[in-house]
Amino acid sequence: MRTYSAKPGEVQANWYVVDASGYNLGRLATRIATILRGKHKATFTPHVDTGDFVIVINASKVNLTGSKIDAKHYHRYSGYMGGLKSIDARTVREEDPERMIVQAVKGMLPKNRLSRQIIKKLKVYGGEEHPHAAQQPAPMPNVL
C-alpha cells in the first residue's frame, strides 16, 4: 500500500462559521486551529494546506477563565528601544476583540511559511455580522 499525499490542486476548502460567545478562548482556538490545518479531514497532509476557512463572529463575547481578564497581557514590540507596548486583556477585548482570537490561534499553528498562509483563512469579527454570506458557511463541526 502507498501513503496518500494530497496535492494542492485537489484540495476542496469548505467555509465554517462559529459563534464565539460562551466559549473559552483557548478551547475555541484549538478547535479553530484544527479546522484551519485540515487535521479533521482524512486527506490531511502536513506539508500541504488542506484546511478550511473559518469565520468567527461575536469575538468580543469570548470567555477568559479565572482572573486572566486582568492578569493576561498582550505585547507589541516596534524593534526600537523603549518600543515595547503592553496592554491587558480587558482593554484588548474592548478595543480590538479580533486580536485575542487571532493571536491565540496563531500561537497554536506551526511556525513556518505554511502557517502564514493558513492564518489568512481565519476571518474574525467582533459583532454578529460578516460579509461572507455568499460562501454559504456551515456551522463548525465538533472536532474535539
Protein backbone atom coordinates (compact mmCIF):
# COMPACT_ATOMS: atom_id res chain seq x y z
CA MET A 1 0.00 0.00 0.00
CA ARG A 2 1.10 3.54 -0.66
CA THR A 3 0.54 6.50 1.62
CA TYR A 4 -1.84 9.08 0.19
CA SER A 5 -0.41 12.58 -0.17
CA ALA A 6 -2.76 15.43 -1.06
CA LYS A 7 -1.83 17.72 -3.93
CA PRO A 8 -2.52 21.47 -3.60
CA GLY A 9 -4.78 21.49 -6.66
CA GLU A 10 -7.12 18.74 -5.50
CA VAL A 11 -7.95 20.14 -2.04
CA GLN A 12 -11.58 21.18 -1.51
CA ALA A 13 -11.87 24.03 1.04
CA ASN A 14 -15.17 24.48 2.88
CA TRP A 15 -16.35 27.50 4.88
CA TYR A 16 -17.41 27.21 8.53
CA VAL A 17 -18.85 29.78 10.91
CA VAL A 18 -18.61 29.71 14.72
CA ASP A 19 -20.22 31.95 17.31
CA ALA A 20 -17.55 32.69 19.94
CA SER A 21 -19.96 33.82 22.64
CA GLY A 22 -19.87 31.43 25.58
CA TYR A 23 -16.64 29.66 24.52
CA ASN A 24 -13.39 29.77 26.45
CA LEU A 25 -10.62 31.41 24.41
CA GLY A 26 -8.09 28.55 24.45
CA ARG A 27 -10.59 25.77 23.79
CA LEU A 28 -12.10 27.68 20.89
CA ALA A 29 -8.63 28.42 19.47
CA THR A 30 -7.63 24.74 19.46
CA ARG A 31 -10.78 23.77 17.55
CA ILE A 32 -10.22 26.58 15.03
CA ALA A 33 -6.54 25.65 14.57
CA THR A 34 -7.53 22.02 13.87
CA ILE A 35 -10.02 23.07 11.17
CA LEU A 36 -7.59 25.57 9.61
CA ARG A 37 -4.83 22.98 9.31
CA GLY A 38 -7.18 20.34 7.93
CA LYS A 39 -6.46 17.74 10.61
CA HIS A 40 -10.16 16.86 10.76
CA LYS A 41 -10.01 15.50 7.19
CA ALA A 42 -8.90 12.04 6.12
CA THR A 43 -6.75 13.64 3.40
CA PHE A 44 -4.59 15.62 5.88
CA THR A 45 -1.05 16.12 4.63
CA PRO A 46 1.35 18.07 6.89
CA HIS A 47 3.16 19.97 4.13
CA VAL A 48 0.04 20.95 2.11
CA ASP A 49 -2.68 23.41 3.08
CA THR A 50 -5.66 21.02 3.29
CA GLY A 51 -7.64 23.14 5.76
CA ASP A 52 -10.91 25.02 5.55
CA PHE A 53 -11.91 28.66 6.02
CA VAL A 54 -13.26 29.64 9.46
CA ILE A 55 -15.41 32.70 10.21
CA VAL A 56 -15.63 33.71 13.88
CA ILE A 57 -18.42 36.05 14.95
CA ASN A 58 -19.03 37.67 18.36
CA ALA A 59 -15.32 37.70 19.18
CA SER A 60 -15.97 40.34 21.84
CA LYS A 61 -18.03 37.83 23.88
CA VAL A 62 -15.36 35.12 24.27
CA ASN A 63 -14.69 33.98 27.85
CA LEU A 64 -11.43 34.12 29.76
CA THR A 65 -11.27 31.81 32.79
CA GLY A 66 -10.12 32.85 36.23
CA SER A 67 -8.51 36.27 36.57
CA LYS A 68 -6.99 36.24 33.08
CA ILE A 69 -9.10 39.24 32.06
CA ASP A 70 -6.82 41.41 34.24
CA ALA A 71 -3.66 39.28 34.51
CA LYS A 72 -3.14 38.40 30.82
CA HIS A 73 -1.15 40.96 28.81
CA TYR A 74 -0.69 41.36 25.06
CA HIS A 75 2.66 42.74 23.90
CA ARG A 76 3.81 44.56 20.78
CA TYR A 77 7.40 45.49 20.09
CA SER A 78 8.41 48.06 17.49
CA GLY A 79 12.05 46.97 17.39
CA TYR A 80 13.31 50.22 18.90
CA MET A 81 14.49 50.89 22.43
CA GLY A 82 11.52 51.60 24.66
CA GLY A 83 9.19 50.32 21.95
CA LEU A 84 7.51 47.59 23.99
CA LYS A 85 3.78 48.23 24.37
CA SER A 86 1.81 46.07 26.79
CA ILE A 87 -1.96 46.14 27.38
CA ASP A 88 -4.21 43.86 29.42
CA ALA A 89 -6.87 41.53 28.03
CA ARG A 90 -9.77 43.70 29.23
CA THR A 91 -8.54 46.62 27.10
CA VAL A 92 -7.89 44.36 24.10
CA ARG A 93 -11.42 42.93 24.34
CA GLU A 94 -12.91 46.44 24.32
CA GLU A 95 -10.71 47.98 21.61
CA ASP A 96 -9.77 45.10 19.28
CA PRO A 97 -11.57 41.83 20.17
CA GLU A 98 -10.44 40.15 16.94
CA ARG A 99 -6.81 40.32 18.09
CA MET A 100 -7.41 37.96 21.02
CA ILE A 101 -8.66 35.11 18.84
CA VAL A 102 -6.16 35.65 16.02
CA GLN A 103 -3.18 35.61 18.39
CA ALA A 104 -4.48 32.55 20.27
CA VAL A 105 -4.95 30.59 17.02
CA LYS A 106 -1.67 31.81 15.52
CA GLY A 107 0.21 30.54 18.58
CA MET A 108 -1.24 27.05 18.01
CA LEU A 109 -0.05 26.77 14.41
CA PRO A 110 3.44 25.63 13.42
CA LYS A 111 5.95 28.42 12.91
CA ASN A 112 6.66 28.18 9.17
CA ARG A 113 5.60 29.53 5.76
CA LEU A 114 2.59 27.24 5.61
CA SER A 115 1.14 28.64 8.84
CA ARG A 116 1.43 32.18 7.49
CA GLN A 117 -0.68 31.00 4.54
CA ILE A 118 -3.12 29.15 6.81
CA ILE A 119 -3.80 32.08 9.18
CA LYS A 120 -5.14 34.08 6.22
CA LYS A 121 -8.05 31.64 6.09
CA LEU A 122 -9.25 32.84 9.50
CA LYS A 123 -11.82 35.67 9.40
CA VAL A 124 -12.70 37.18 12.80
CA TYR A 125 -15.44 39.74 13.51
CA GLY A 126 -16.33 41.38 16.82
CA GLY A 127 -20.06 41.51 16.15
CA GLU A 128 -22.82 39.37 14.64
CA GLU A 129 -22.39 40.44 11.00
CA HIS A 130 -19.89 39.08 8.49
CA PRO A 131 -19.56 39.73 4.73
CA HIS A 132 -19.12 36.06 3.74
CA ALA A 133 -22.75 35.04 3.25
CA ALA A 134 -22.08 34.27 -0.42
CA GLN A 135 -19.78 31.39 0.58
CA GLN A 136 -22.68 29.75 2.47
CA PRO A 137 -20.72 28.83 5.62
CA ALA A 138 -21.88 25.82 7.60
CA PRO A 139 -21.71 25.53 11.40
CA MET A 140 -18.28 24.40 12.56
CA PRO A 141 -18.05 20.64 13.11
CA ASN A 142 -17.23 19.29 16.55
CA VAL A 143 -13.66 18.11 16.00
CA LEU A 144 -12.61 17.54 19.62
